Amino acid sequence: MYRAFHDFHYAESALIDLGISLVTWNNRGIALFGLGRLEEAVDSYNKALALDPKHIPEKENIELVLRVLRRKW
């Protein structure tokens, strides 16, 4: 949990300090997923996809989050 928390804050800082990039949005999504903040993770992945709709890792990450959400329901 600590690692995900650290990764989340690192990604947030990168968004502010370095500007928004596809990799930054994806990393933010990964960190949020690790914290269990699944809806926010999907939002970050979607923002990455908006920058490059053909980028496969975000699509795969969204599918993973959706599988986890389905299990919770």
C-alpha atoms as a PDB file:
ATOM      1  CA  MET A   1       0.000   0.000   0.000  1.00  0.00           C
ATOM      2  CA  TYR A   2       2.843   2.399   0.802  1.00  0.00           C
ATOM      3  CA  ARG A   3       4.313   1.867  -2.667  1.00  0.00           C
ATOM      4  CA  ALA A   4       1.018   2.741  -4.357  1.00  0.00           C
ATOM      5  CA  PHE A   5       0.621   5.809  -2.150  1.00  0.00           C
ATOM      6  CA  HIS A   6       4.160   6.941  -3.017  1.00  0.00           C
ATOM      7  CA  ASP A   7       3.588   6.271  -6.743  1.00  0.00           C
ATOM      8  CA  PHE A   8       0.348   8.243  -6.666  1.00  0.00           C
ATOM      9  CA  HIS A   9       1.983  11.307  -5.133  1.00  0.00           C
ATOM     10  CA  TYR A  10       4.915  11.020  -7.530  1.00  0.00           C
ATOM     11  CA  ALA A  11       2.534  10.931 -10.503  1.00  0.00           C
ATOM     12  CA  GLU A  12       0.547  13.866  -9.125  1.00  0.00           C
ATOM     13  CA  SER A  13       3.753  15.887  -8.775  1.00  0.00           C
ATOM     14  CA  ALA A  14       4.746  15.041 -12.327  1.00  0.00           C
ATOM     15  CA  LEU A  15       1.395  16.290 -13.599  1.00  0.00           C
ATOM     16  CA  ILE A  16       1.973  19.610 -11.894  1.00  0.00           C
ATOM     17  CA  ASP A  17       5.713  20.018 -12.446  1.00  0.00           C
ATOM     18  CA  LEU A  18       6.274  18.519 -15.881  1.00  0.00           C
ATOM     19  CA  GLY A  19       2.949  18.839 -17.597  1.00  0.00           C
ATOM     20  CA  ILE A  20       0.548  16.170 -18.652  1.00  0.00           C
ATOM     21  CA  SER A  21       1.743  13.271 -20.807  1.00  0.00           C
ATOM     22  CA  LEU A  22       0.372   9.900 -21.776  1.00  0.00           C
ATOM     23  CA  VAL A  23       2.878   8.086 -19.563  1.00  0.00           C
ATOM     24  CA  THR A  24       2.093  10.344 -16.611  1.00  0.00           C
ATOM     25  CA  TRP A  25      -1.646   9.705 -16.893  1.00  0.00           C
ATOM     26  CA  ASN A  26      -1.005   5.958 -17.182  1.00  0.00           C
ATOM     27  CA  ASN A  27       1.300   5.948 -14.144  1.00  0.00           C
ATOM     28  CA  ARG A  28      -1.276   7.916 -12.177  1.00  0.00           C
ATOM     29  CA  GLY A  29      -3.882   5.320 -13.114  1.00  0.00           C
ATOM     30  CA  ILE A  30      -1.613   2.486 -11.975  1.00  0.00           C
ATOM     31  CA  ALA A  31      -1.004   4.193  -8.639  1.00  0.00           C
ATOM     32  CA  LEU A  32      -4.718   4.873  -8.127  1.00  0.00           C
ATOM     33  CA  PHE A  33      -5.503   1.257  -8.962  1.00  0.00           C
ATOM     34  CA  GLY A  34      -3.010   0.188  -6.294  1.00  0.00           C
ATOM     35  CA  LEU A  35      -4.799   2.413  -3.790  1.00  0.00           C
ATOM     36  CA  GLY A  36      -8.150   0.887  -4.690  1.00  0.00           C
ATOM     37  CA  ARG A  37      -9.423   4.116  -6.238  1.00  0.00           C
ATOM     38  CA  LEU A  38     -10.697   2.303  -9.297  1.00  0.00           C
ATOM     39  CA  GLU A  39     -13.000   4.886 -10.839  1.00  0.00           C
ATOM     40  CA  GLU A  40     -10.238   7.510 -10.651  1.00  0.00           C
ATOM     41  CA  ALA A  41      -7.825   5.036 -12.215  1.00  0.00           C
ATOM     42  CA  VAL A  42     -10.150   4.549 -15.193  1.00  0.00           C
ATOM     43  CA  ASP A  43     -10.432   8.324 -15.542  1.00  0.00           C
ATOM     44  CA  SER A  44      -6.642   8.630 -15.717  1.00  0.00           C
ATOM     45  CA  TYR A  45      -6.387   5.840 -18.290  1.00  0.00           C
ATOM     46  CA  ASN A  46      -9.065   7.545 -20.376  1.00  0.00           C
ATOM     47  CA  LYS A  47      -7.125  10.816 -20.260  1.00  0.00           C
ATOM     48  CA  ALA A  48      -4.056   8.956 -21.525  1.00  0.00           C
ATOM     49  CA  LEU A  49      -6.126   7.415 -24.314  1.00  0.00           C
ATOM     50  CA  ALA A  50      -7.384  10.853 -25.282  1.00  0.00           C
ATOM     51  CA  LEU A  51      -3.761  11.739 -26.060  1.00  0.00           C
ATOM     52  CA  ASP A  52      -3.212   8.543 -28.104  1.00  0.00           C
ATOM     53  CA  PRO A  53      -6.341   6.445 -28.719  1.00  0.00           C
ATOM     54  CA  LYS A  54      -4.286   3.571 -30.165  1.00  0.00           C
ATOM     55  CA  HIS A  55      -2.075   3.104 -27.095  1.00  0.00           C
ATOM     56  CA  ILE A  56      -2.715  -0.463 -25.940  1.00  0.00           C
ATOM     57  CA  PRO A  57      -1.503  -0.437 -22.279  1.00  0.00           C
ATOM     58  CA  GLU A  58      -4.267   1.917 -21.148  1.00  0.00           C
ATOM     59  CA  LYS A  59      -6.908  -0.205 -22.853  1.00  0.00           C
ATOM     60  CA  GLU A  60      -5.569  -3.278 -21.069  1.00  0.00           C
ATOM     61  CA  ASN A  61      -5.471  -1.413 -17.746  1.00  0.00           C
ATOM     62  CA  ILE A  62      -9.090  -0.317 -18.148  1.00  0.00           C
ATOM     63  CA  GLU A  63     -10.097  -3.922 -18.825  1.00  0.00           C
ATOM     64  CA  LEU A  64      -8.288  -5.015 -15.665  1.00  0.00           C
ATOM     65  CA  VAL A  65     -10.086  -2.394 -13.564  1.00  0.00           C
ATOM     66  CA  LEU A  66     -13.442  -3.387 -15.070  1.00  0.00           C
ATOM     67  CA  ARG A  67     -12.794  -7.051 -14.211  1.00  0.00           C
ATOM     68  CA  VAL A  68     -12.042  -6.070 -10.605  1.00  0.00           C
ATOM     69  CA  LEU A  69     -15.178  -3.917 -10.439  1.00  0.00           C
ATOM     70  CA  ARG A  70     -17.327  -6.755 -11.811  1.00  0.00           C
ATOM     71  CA  ARG A  71     -16.044  -9.048  -9.053  1.00  0.00           C
ATOM     72  CA  LYS A  72     -17.017  -6.464  -6.419  1.00  0.00           C
ATOM     73  CA  TRP A  73     -20.600  -6.322  -7.688  1.00  0.00           C
END
